[in-house]
N, C-alpha and C. Protein backbone atom coordinates (compact mmCIF):
# COMPACT_ATOMS: atom_id res chain seq x y z
N MET A 1 39.47 71.03 -42.44
CA MET A 1 38.27 71.45 -41.78
C MET A 1 38.66 72.37 -40.52
N LEU A 2 39.48 71.79 -39.65
CA LEU A 2 39.98 72.44 -38.50
C LEU A 2 40.80 73.68 -38.79
N ASP A 3 41.68 73.50 -39.78
CA ASP A 3 42.54 74.72 -40.15
C ASP A 3 41.58 75.84 -40.71
N ASP A 4 40.63 75.48 -41.50
CA ASP A 4 39.68 76.63 -41.96
C ASP A 4 39.00 77.30 -40.76
N LEU A 5 38.55 76.49 -39.77
CA LEU A 5 37.96 76.97 -38.62
C LEU A 5 38.89 77.85 -37.80
N LYS A 6 40.09 77.42 -37.70
CA LYS A 6 41.08 78.14 -36.93
C LYS A 6 41.37 79.53 -37.62
N SER A 7 41.41 79.62 -38.91
CA SER A 7 41.70 80.81 -39.66
C SER A 7 40.54 81.74 -39.51
N LYS A 8 39.23 81.23 -39.46
CA LYS A 8 38.12 82.11 -39.26
C LYS A 8 37.98 82.56 -37.91
N LEU A 9 38.39 81.78 -36.86
CA LEU A 9 38.45 82.32 -35.53
C LEU A 9 39.51 83.28 -35.24
N ALA A 10 40.56 83.10 -35.92
CA ALA A 10 41.69 84.09 -35.76
C ALA A 10 41.19 85.46 -36.44
N LYS A 11 40.51 85.34 -37.52
CA LYS A 11 39.93 86.62 -38.16
C LYS A 11 39.00 87.33 -37.20
N ALA A 12 38.13 86.46 -36.59
CA ALA A 12 37.07 87.13 -35.69
C ALA A 12 37.84 87.84 -34.49
N LEU A 13 38.87 87.29 -34.04
CA LEU A 13 39.64 87.77 -32.89
C LEU A 13 40.45 89.02 -33.37
N GLU A 14 40.92 89.01 -34.63
CA GLU A 14 41.58 90.14 -35.15
C GLU A 14 40.62 91.32 -35.24
N VAL A 15 39.48 91.04 -35.86
CA VAL A 15 38.44 92.11 -35.90
C VAL A 15 38.14 92.73 -34.64
N PHE A 16 37.93 91.95 -33.59
CA PHE A 16 37.66 92.42 -32.31
C PHE A 16 38.80 93.28 -31.73
N GLN A 17 40.04 92.75 -31.90
CA GLN A 17 41.20 93.59 -31.42
C GLN A 17 41.29 94.89 -32.25
N THR A 18 40.94 94.94 -33.46
CA THR A 18 40.98 96.26 -34.13
C THR A 18 39.84 97.08 -33.59
N GLU A 19 38.70 96.71 -33.49
CA GLU A 19 37.52 97.39 -32.91
C GLU A 19 37.83 98.01 -31.50
N ILE A 20 38.48 97.17 -30.65
CA ILE A 20 38.69 97.64 -29.26
C ILE A 20 39.80 98.66 -29.17
N LYS A 21 40.65 98.73 -30.17
CA LYS A 21 41.67 99.69 -30.23
C LYS A 21 41.16 101.12 -30.39
N LYS A 22 39.86 101.11 -31.03
CA LYS A 22 39.29 102.43 -31.30
C LYS A 22 38.50 102.98 -30.19
N VAL A 23 38.34 102.22 -29.17
CA VAL A 23 37.80 102.69 -27.91
C VAL A 23 38.66 103.60 -27.10
N ARG A 24 38.37 104.83 -26.98
CA ARG A 24 39.21 105.80 -26.20
C ARG A 24 39.47 105.39 -24.75
N THR A 25 40.67 105.68 -24.36
CA THR A 25 41.09 105.30 -22.97
C THR A 25 41.55 106.52 -22.15
N GLY A 26 41.44 107.62 -22.76
CA GLY A 26 41.94 108.93 -21.94
C GLY A 26 43.49 109.04 -22.14
N ARG A 27 44.11 108.13 -22.91
CA ARG A 27 45.48 108.20 -23.32
C ARG A 27 45.72 108.26 -24.76
N ALA A 28 46.62 109.20 -25.19
CA ALA A 28 46.82 109.30 -26.63
C ALA A 28 47.43 108.06 -27.15
N HIS A 29 46.88 107.71 -28.32
CA HIS A 29 47.39 106.57 -29.05
C HIS A 29 47.11 106.80 -30.53
N PRO A 30 48.06 106.51 -31.36
CA PRO A 30 47.90 106.74 -32.80
C PRO A 30 46.67 106.00 -33.41
N ASP A 31 46.26 104.86 -32.89
CA ASP A 31 45.20 104.14 -33.38
C ASP A 31 43.87 104.85 -33.37
N LEU A 32 43.76 105.83 -32.43
CA LEU A 32 42.58 106.64 -32.22
C LEU A 32 42.15 107.32 -33.57
N VAL A 33 43.19 107.71 -34.26
CA VAL A 33 42.92 108.49 -35.62
C VAL A 33 43.09 107.66 -36.83
N GLU A 34 43.36 106.39 -36.58
CA GLU A 34 43.71 105.43 -37.74
C GLU A 34 42.66 105.43 -38.83
N GLY A 35 41.35 105.51 -38.45
CA GLY A 35 40.27 105.46 -39.45
C GLY A 35 39.95 106.81 -40.06
N VAL A 36 40.64 107.82 -39.67
CA VAL A 36 40.33 109.19 -40.30
C VAL A 36 40.64 109.20 -41.77
N MET A 37 39.68 109.67 -42.58
CA MET A 37 39.92 109.81 -44.07
C MET A 37 40.13 111.22 -44.41
N VAL A 38 41.12 111.50 -45.29
CA VAL A 38 41.60 112.93 -45.48
C VAL A 38 41.48 113.11 -47.04
N GLU A 39 41.00 114.31 -47.42
CA GLU A 39 41.03 114.56 -48.87
C GLU A 39 42.43 115.15 -49.19
N SER A 40 43.04 114.39 -50.03
CA SER A 40 44.35 114.75 -50.50
C SER A 40 44.44 114.71 -52.00
N TYR A 41 44.76 115.89 -52.63
CA TYR A 41 44.82 115.93 -54.12
C TYR A 41 43.56 115.32 -54.75
N GLY A 42 42.49 115.61 -54.26
CA GLY A 42 41.26 115.20 -54.88
C GLY A 42 40.77 113.84 -54.56
N ALA A 43 41.43 113.00 -53.62
CA ALA A 43 41.00 111.71 -53.39
C ALA A 43 40.89 111.55 -51.89
N GLN A 44 39.95 110.67 -51.46
CA GLN A 44 39.89 110.39 -49.96
C GLN A 44 40.84 109.27 -49.72
N VAL A 45 41.75 109.66 -48.75
CA VAL A 45 42.90 108.50 -48.38
C VAL A 45 42.96 108.47 -46.88
N PRO A 46 43.34 107.44 -46.38
CA PRO A 46 43.54 107.23 -44.88
C PRO A 46 44.65 108.23 -44.41
N LEU A 47 44.46 108.72 -43.18
CA LEU A 47 45.49 109.62 -42.64
C LEU A 47 46.83 109.21 -42.63
N LYS A 48 47.14 107.86 -42.32
CA LYS A 48 48.41 107.30 -42.33
C LYS A 48 49.16 107.27 -43.67
N GLN A 49 48.40 107.54 -44.77
CA GLN A 49 49.04 107.61 -46.12
C GLN A 49 49.49 108.98 -46.40
N VAL A 50 49.17 110.01 -45.58
CA VAL A 50 49.61 111.37 -45.92
C VAL A 50 50.41 112.01 -44.72
N ALA A 51 50.51 111.35 -43.62
CA ALA A 51 51.18 111.88 -42.45
C ALA A 51 51.72 110.80 -41.54
N ASN A 52 52.71 111.16 -40.78
CA ASN A 52 53.18 110.36 -39.69
C ASN A 52 52.57 110.66 -38.46
N VAL A 53 51.98 109.62 -37.83
CA VAL A 53 51.12 109.86 -36.65
C VAL A 53 51.89 109.23 -35.40
N GLY A 54 52.04 110.00 -34.38
CA GLY A 54 52.71 109.50 -33.18
C GLY A 54 52.02 110.02 -31.90
N ALA A 55 52.54 109.57 -30.77
CA ALA A 55 52.02 110.05 -29.46
C ALA A 55 53.28 110.30 -28.58
N PRO A 56 53.77 111.63 -28.59
CA PRO A 56 54.95 111.92 -27.93
C PRO A 56 54.73 111.78 -26.40
N ASP A 57 53.44 112.02 -25.93
CA ASP A 57 53.27 111.81 -24.48
C ASP A 57 51.92 111.25 -24.27
N ALA A 58 51.43 110.97 -22.99
CA ALA A 58 50.27 110.25 -22.80
C ALA A 58 48.95 111.08 -23.09
N GLN A 59 49.03 112.38 -23.32
CA GLN A 59 47.91 113.14 -23.58
C GLN A 59 47.85 113.88 -25.04
N THR A 60 48.83 113.56 -25.78
CA THR A 60 48.90 114.25 -27.15
C THR A 60 49.27 113.24 -28.28
N ILE A 61 48.48 113.54 -29.30
CA ILE A 61 48.66 112.85 -30.58
C ILE A 61 49.32 113.91 -31.53
N ALA A 62 50.47 113.54 -32.14
CA ALA A 62 51.18 114.56 -33.04
C ALA A 62 51.06 113.98 -34.41
N ILE A 63 50.59 114.77 -35.39
CA ILE A 63 50.39 114.36 -36.78
C ILE A 63 51.24 115.30 -37.55
N GLN A 64 52.36 114.70 -38.19
CA GLN A 64 53.23 115.41 -39.00
C GLN A 64 53.03 115.05 -40.54
N PRO A 65 52.43 115.99 -41.29
CA PRO A 65 52.10 115.56 -42.70
C PRO A 65 53.39 115.65 -43.58
N TRP A 66 53.47 114.85 -44.58
CA TRP A 66 54.64 114.81 -45.45
C TRP A 66 54.59 115.98 -46.31
N ASP A 67 53.46 116.56 -46.57
CA ASP A 67 53.30 117.73 -47.36
C ASP A 67 52.41 118.73 -46.62
N ARG A 68 52.98 119.94 -46.34
CA ARG A 68 52.27 120.92 -45.58
C ARG A 68 50.90 121.30 -46.21
N ALA A 69 50.75 121.13 -47.53
CA ALA A 69 49.55 121.51 -48.21
C ALA A 69 48.38 120.58 -47.50
N ASN A 70 48.70 119.51 -46.94
CA ASN A 70 47.63 118.63 -46.34
C ASN A 70 47.32 118.98 -44.89
N LEU A 71 47.86 120.06 -44.31
CA LEU A 71 47.51 120.34 -42.95
C LEU A 71 46.01 120.67 -42.78
N ALA A 72 45.42 121.50 -43.66
CA ALA A 72 43.99 121.86 -43.43
C ALA A 72 43.18 120.72 -43.79
N PRO A 73 43.40 119.94 -44.93
CA PRO A 73 42.56 118.72 -45.14
C PRO A 73 42.60 117.72 -43.93
N ILE A 74 43.82 117.59 -43.28
CA ILE A 74 43.86 116.66 -42.17
C ILE A 74 43.03 117.19 -41.06
N GLU A 75 43.13 118.43 -40.77
CA GLU A 75 42.34 119.04 -39.72
C GLU A 75 40.87 118.84 -39.95
N LYS A 76 40.50 119.11 -41.17
CA LYS A 76 39.03 118.90 -41.60
C LYS A 76 38.62 117.44 -41.35
N GLY A 77 39.40 116.56 -41.74
CA GLY A 77 39.21 115.12 -41.66
C GLY A 77 38.94 114.61 -40.25
N ILE A 78 39.80 115.18 -39.39
CA ILE A 78 39.73 114.84 -37.94
C ILE A 78 38.34 115.41 -37.29
N ILE A 79 38.04 116.62 -37.72
CA ILE A 79 36.75 117.21 -37.18
C ILE A 79 35.61 116.48 -37.78
N ALA A 80 35.66 116.11 -38.96
CA ALA A 80 34.53 115.45 -39.65
C ALA A 80 34.44 113.94 -39.22
N SER A 81 35.46 113.42 -38.66
CA SER A 81 35.39 111.99 -38.27
C SER A 81 34.43 111.62 -37.16
N GLY A 82 33.94 112.58 -36.35
CA GLY A 82 33.03 112.42 -35.39
C GLY A 82 33.71 111.70 -34.08
N LEU A 83 34.97 111.80 -33.99
CA LEU A 83 35.63 111.23 -32.86
C LEU A 83 35.59 112.17 -31.55
N GLY A 84 35.23 113.41 -31.82
CA GLY A 84 35.16 114.39 -30.66
C GLY A 84 36.49 114.87 -30.29
N LEU A 85 37.47 114.94 -31.22
CA LEU A 85 38.74 115.40 -30.98
C LEU A 85 38.86 116.79 -31.56
N ASN A 86 39.65 117.63 -30.92
CA ASN A 86 39.95 118.97 -31.32
C ASN A 86 41.34 119.15 -31.84
N PRO A 87 41.57 119.24 -33.16
CA PRO A 87 42.96 119.39 -33.59
C PRO A 87 43.42 120.78 -33.53
N LEU A 88 44.74 120.97 -33.29
CA LEU A 88 45.35 122.36 -33.26
C LEU A 88 46.45 122.33 -34.25
N ASN A 89 46.25 123.17 -35.31
CA ASN A 89 47.17 123.40 -36.29
C ASN A 89 48.17 124.47 -36.11
N ASP A 90 49.48 124.17 -36.02
CA ASP A 90 50.47 125.24 -35.71
C ASP A 90 51.23 125.64 -36.96
N GLY A 91 50.73 125.11 -38.15
CA GLY A 91 51.47 125.56 -39.41
C GLY A 91 52.59 124.52 -39.81
N GLN A 92 53.05 123.80 -38.83
CA GLN A 92 54.01 122.70 -39.07
C GLN A 92 53.50 121.32 -38.94
N MET A 93 52.64 121.15 -37.88
CA MET A 93 52.01 119.84 -37.59
C MET A 93 50.62 120.12 -36.83
N ILE A 94 50.01 118.95 -36.69
CA ILE A 94 48.68 119.09 -36.00
C ILE A 94 48.83 118.38 -34.68
N ARG A 95 48.47 118.91 -33.57
CA ARG A 95 48.46 118.23 -32.23
C ARG A 95 47.05 118.13 -31.78
N ILE A 96 46.85 116.99 -31.23
CA ILE A 96 45.49 116.69 -30.64
C ILE A 96 45.75 116.37 -29.09
N THR A 97 45.12 117.20 -28.33
CA THR A 97 45.22 116.90 -26.87
C THR A 97 44.00 116.06 -26.44
N ILE A 98 44.28 114.93 -25.78
CA ILE A 98 43.28 114.14 -25.32
C ILE A 98 42.88 114.46 -23.89
N PRO A 99 41.64 114.94 -23.74
CA PRO A 99 41.24 115.30 -22.34
C PRO A 99 41.14 114.10 -21.40
N PRO A 100 41.25 114.35 -20.12
CA PRO A 100 41.11 113.15 -19.18
C PRO A 100 39.66 112.82 -19.24
N LEU A 101 39.33 111.44 -19.01
CA LEU A 101 38.05 111.02 -19.00
C LEU A 101 37.40 111.10 -17.64
N SER A 102 36.06 111.46 -17.57
CA SER A 102 35.39 111.43 -16.29
C SER A 102 35.06 110.02 -15.84
N ALA A 103 34.69 109.79 -14.62
CA ALA A 103 34.28 108.50 -14.09
C ALA A 103 33.18 107.87 -14.82
N GLU A 104 32.24 108.82 -15.17
CA GLU A 104 30.93 108.37 -15.86
C GLU A 104 31.32 107.91 -17.31
N ARG A 105 32.23 108.64 -17.94
CA ARG A 105 32.58 108.31 -19.34
C ARG A 105 33.44 107.00 -19.35
N ARG A 106 34.18 106.84 -18.36
CA ARG A 106 34.91 105.55 -18.25
C ARG A 106 34.06 104.38 -18.11
N THR A 107 32.94 104.51 -17.43
CA THR A 107 32.05 103.45 -17.25
C THR A 107 31.38 103.13 -18.49
N GLU A 108 30.97 104.23 -19.26
CA GLU A 108 30.35 104.09 -20.52
C GLU A 108 31.33 103.28 -21.48
N LEU A 109 32.63 103.72 -21.52
CA LEU A 109 33.63 103.04 -22.42
C LEU A 109 33.79 101.55 -22.01
N VAL A 110 33.69 101.29 -20.79
CA VAL A 110 33.80 99.82 -20.33
C VAL A 110 32.70 99.08 -20.88
N LYS A 111 31.44 99.66 -20.84
CA LYS A 111 30.30 98.99 -21.51
C LYS A 111 30.38 98.83 -22.97
N VAL A 112 31.01 99.80 -23.65
CA VAL A 112 31.22 99.71 -25.05
C VAL A 112 32.24 98.55 -25.37
N ALA A 113 33.34 98.51 -24.60
CA ALA A 113 34.33 97.49 -24.90
C ALA A 113 33.65 96.12 -24.56
N SER A 114 32.82 95.97 -23.59
CA SER A 114 32.13 94.70 -23.17
C SER A 114 31.23 94.32 -24.34
N ALA A 115 30.56 95.27 -24.87
CA ALA A 115 29.64 95.04 -26.02
C ALA A 115 30.47 94.51 -27.21
N ARG A 116 31.49 95.04 -27.43
CA ARG A 116 32.37 94.62 -28.61
C ARG A 116 32.84 93.19 -28.31
N ALA A 117 33.22 92.82 -27.15
CA ALA A 117 33.68 91.54 -26.75
C ALA A 117 32.50 90.49 -26.92
N GLU A 118 31.30 90.90 -26.53
CA GLU A 118 30.26 90.01 -26.64
C GLU A 118 29.96 89.71 -28.13
N GLU A 119 29.97 90.76 -28.95
CA GLU A 119 29.86 90.55 -30.38
C GLU A 119 30.84 89.56 -30.96
N ALA A 120 32.10 89.64 -30.49
CA ALA A 120 33.20 88.77 -30.87
C ALA A 120 32.82 87.40 -30.49
N LYS A 121 32.33 87.16 -29.23
CA LYS A 121 32.06 85.87 -28.77
C LYS A 121 30.86 85.25 -29.50
N VAL A 122 29.90 86.01 -29.93
CA VAL A 122 28.82 85.56 -30.67
C VAL A 122 29.27 85.00 -32.02
N ALA A 123 30.16 85.78 -32.64
CA ALA A 123 30.80 85.47 -33.91
C ALA A 123 31.58 84.20 -33.80
N ILE A 124 32.23 83.97 -32.73
CA ILE A 124 33.03 82.75 -32.47
C ILE A 124 32.10 81.57 -32.34
N ARG A 125 31.03 81.83 -31.47
CA ARG A 125 29.94 80.66 -31.30
C ARG A 125 29.22 80.36 -32.71
N ASN A 126 29.02 81.33 -33.41
CA ASN A 126 28.49 81.02 -34.74
C ASN A 126 29.40 80.17 -35.51
N LEU A 127 30.66 80.48 -35.54
CA LEU A 127 31.53 79.61 -36.25
C LEU A 127 31.68 78.14 -35.71
N ARG A 128 31.52 78.13 -34.42
CA ARG A 128 31.49 76.72 -33.79
C ARG A 128 30.27 76.06 -34.14
N ARG A 129 29.14 76.69 -34.24
CA ARG A 129 27.89 75.93 -34.71
C ARG A 129 28.01 75.48 -36.14
N ASP A 130 28.51 76.26 -37.02
CA ASP A 130 28.75 75.91 -38.43
C ASP A 130 29.58 74.77 -38.52
N ALA A 131 30.77 74.73 -37.80
CA ALA A 131 31.72 73.67 -37.77
C ALA A 131 31.10 72.39 -37.23
N MET A 132 30.29 72.44 -36.22
CA MET A 132 29.68 71.32 -35.65
C MET A 132 28.64 70.65 -36.66
N GLU A 133 27.89 71.59 -37.45
CA GLU A 133 26.96 71.02 -38.50
C GLU A 133 27.77 70.41 -39.55
N ASP A 134 28.96 71.02 -39.96
CA ASP A 134 29.73 70.33 -41.05
C ASP A 134 30.25 68.94 -40.63
N ILE A 135 30.58 68.84 -39.34
CA ILE A 135 31.18 67.60 -38.72
C ILE A 135 30.02 66.47 -38.92
N LYS A 136 28.82 66.94 -38.49
CA LYS A 136 27.73 65.94 -38.48
C LYS A 136 27.30 65.48 -39.89
N LYS A 137 27.59 66.47 -40.94
CA LYS A 137 27.18 66.17 -42.33
C LYS A 137 28.24 65.29 -42.91
N GLN A 138 29.47 65.56 -42.61
CA GLN A 138 30.60 64.92 -43.38
C GLN A 138 31.16 63.65 -42.71
N ILE A 139 31.01 63.48 -41.46
CA ILE A 139 31.63 62.41 -40.76
C ILE A 139 30.63 61.33 -40.46
N ASN A 140 30.79 60.12 -40.68
CA ASN A 140 29.76 59.12 -40.40
C ASN A 140 30.09 58.50 -39.08
N SER A 141 31.37 58.22 -38.73
CA SER A 141 31.69 57.52 -37.44
C SER A 141 31.37 58.44 -36.16
N GLU A 142 30.73 57.85 -35.28
CA GLU A 142 30.28 58.53 -34.16
C GLU A 142 31.59 58.96 -33.26
N ASP A 143 32.49 57.95 -33.23
CA ASP A 143 33.72 58.31 -32.48
C ASP A 143 34.47 59.38 -32.99
N GLU A 144 34.63 59.43 -34.38
CA GLU A 144 35.26 60.53 -35.04
C GLU A 144 34.57 61.87 -34.84
N GLN A 145 33.31 61.77 -34.93
CA GLN A 145 32.52 63.04 -34.79
C GLN A 145 32.76 63.55 -33.30
N LYS A 146 32.64 62.75 -32.38
CA LYS A 146 33.00 63.25 -30.91
C LYS A 146 34.41 63.81 -30.88
N ARG A 147 35.39 63.13 -31.47
CA ARG A 147 36.75 63.58 -31.41
C ARG A 147 36.91 64.97 -32.02
N LEU A 148 36.29 65.14 -33.15
CA LEU A 148 36.36 66.39 -33.91
C LEU A 148 35.64 67.53 -33.15
N GLU A 149 34.50 67.12 -32.66
CA GLU A 149 33.68 68.06 -31.90
C GLU A 149 34.51 68.62 -30.63
N LYS A 150 35.18 67.72 -30.06
CA LYS A 150 35.99 68.13 -28.78
C LYS A 150 37.11 69.14 -29.31
N GLN A 151 37.72 68.82 -30.41
CA GLN A 151 38.79 69.63 -30.90
C GLN A 151 38.21 70.97 -31.17
N VAL A 152 37.09 71.02 -31.83
CA VAL A 152 36.41 72.36 -32.17
C VAL A 152 36.17 73.09 -30.90
N GLN A 153 35.58 72.36 -29.92
CA GLN A 153 35.22 73.07 -28.67
C GLN A 153 36.42 73.57 -27.94
N ASP A 154 37.49 72.90 -27.98
CA ASP A 154 38.83 73.29 -27.27
C ASP A 154 39.32 74.64 -28.03
N MET A 155 39.22 74.60 -29.36
CA MET A 155 39.67 75.63 -30.15
C MET A 155 38.86 76.92 -29.80
N VAL A 156 37.56 76.74 -29.83
CA VAL A 156 36.64 77.87 -29.52
C VAL A 156 36.84 78.35 -28.07
N ASP A 157 37.05 77.53 -27.18
CA ASP A 157 37.33 77.90 -25.73
C ASP A 157 38.57 78.71 -25.68
N ASP A 158 39.67 78.37 -26.48
CA ASP A 158 40.86 79.12 -26.46
C ASP A 158 40.60 80.60 -27.05
N PHE A 159 39.95 80.69 -28.10
CA PHE A 159 39.60 81.96 -28.66
C PHE A 159 38.73 82.86 -27.81
N VAL A 160 37.76 82.20 -27.11
CA VAL A 160 36.93 83.02 -26.20
C VAL A 160 37.73 83.52 -25.10
N SER A 161 38.75 82.71 -24.66
CA SER A 161 39.50 83.15 -23.49
C SER A 161 40.48 84.24 -24.00
N ARG A 162 40.84 84.24 -25.18
CA ARG A 162 41.76 85.38 -25.79
C ARG A 162 40.97 86.68 -25.74
N VAL A 163 39.70 86.49 -26.25
CA VAL A 163 38.72 87.74 -26.14
C VAL A 163 38.61 88.20 -24.74
N GLU A 164 38.47 87.30 -23.85
CA GLU A 164 38.23 87.75 -22.37
C GLU A 164 39.61 88.42 -21.87
N ILE A 165 40.66 87.90 -22.23
CA ILE A 165 42.00 88.54 -21.88
C ILE A 165 42.14 89.91 -22.38
N ALA A 166 41.77 90.03 -23.62
CA ALA A 166 41.94 91.42 -24.32
C ALA A 166 40.94 92.33 -23.74
N LEU A 167 39.62 91.93 -23.38
CA LEU A 167 38.77 92.78 -22.72
C LEU A 167 39.30 93.16 -21.34
N GLY A 168 39.71 92.26 -20.67
CA GLY A 168 40.24 92.50 -19.26
C GLY A 168 41.31 93.58 -19.31
N ASP A 169 42.26 93.48 -20.28
CA ASP A 169 43.40 94.39 -20.45
C ASP A 169 42.84 95.78 -20.94
N LYS A 170 41.80 95.85 -21.73
CA LYS A 170 41.19 97.05 -22.20
C LYS A 170 40.43 97.69 -21.02
N GLU A 171 39.69 96.92 -20.22
CA GLU A 171 39.05 97.52 -19.01
C GLU A 171 40.05 98.11 -18.01
N LYS A 172 41.12 97.43 -17.89
CA LYS A 172 42.17 97.96 -16.88
C LYS A 172 42.72 99.26 -17.48
N GLU A 173 42.96 99.30 -18.84
CA GLU A 173 43.51 100.50 -19.44
C GLU A 173 42.53 101.71 -19.25
N ILE A 174 41.27 101.37 -19.45
CA ILE A 174 40.16 102.47 -19.44
C ILE A 174 40.08 102.93 -17.95
N THR A 175 40.02 102.09 -17.02
CA THR A 175 39.81 102.51 -15.65
C THR A 175 41.01 102.94 -14.94
N THR A 176 42.11 102.90 -15.46
CA THR A 176 43.42 103.31 -14.75
C THR A 176 43.55 104.82 -15.14
N ILE A 177 43.63 105.60 -14.07
CA ILE A 177 43.73 107.05 -14.19
C ILE A 177 45.19 107.46 -14.52
């Protein structure tokens, strides 16, 4: 029962960490374009399956396709992704320059990151509620119920604190110029 809860909590934390990586920070990071889909040879595929993505400096994402025929589709995919990024195709590779964020935009991004963290905490609390209900249904001994409920609460508190730490790190990353 507790192992199952722990794996579900870990999955909720993993989803949160994936979502928070997508929040722009004003710095170039390959994860910004991770979700971009590219039409390659008639099929929609993730960008990382057709190109090497890197960040040679803090303001640039460099995309080196394995086949130059994919340059135009990669460029179209980035524009269509709605990320607000402007790709530059030089015939060899695609470069994306990340513009610096304004103070107003930084504040908005902190709010977005906080909202993602709150969603993760709600998911964790829902898992706690389900686990507590299972304990009450399956365990007859009151002492055993209390012991398991305390273990569940300790586990939940640990995962909530991990969300808070990740949010704090992201906020610092966003607000640092």
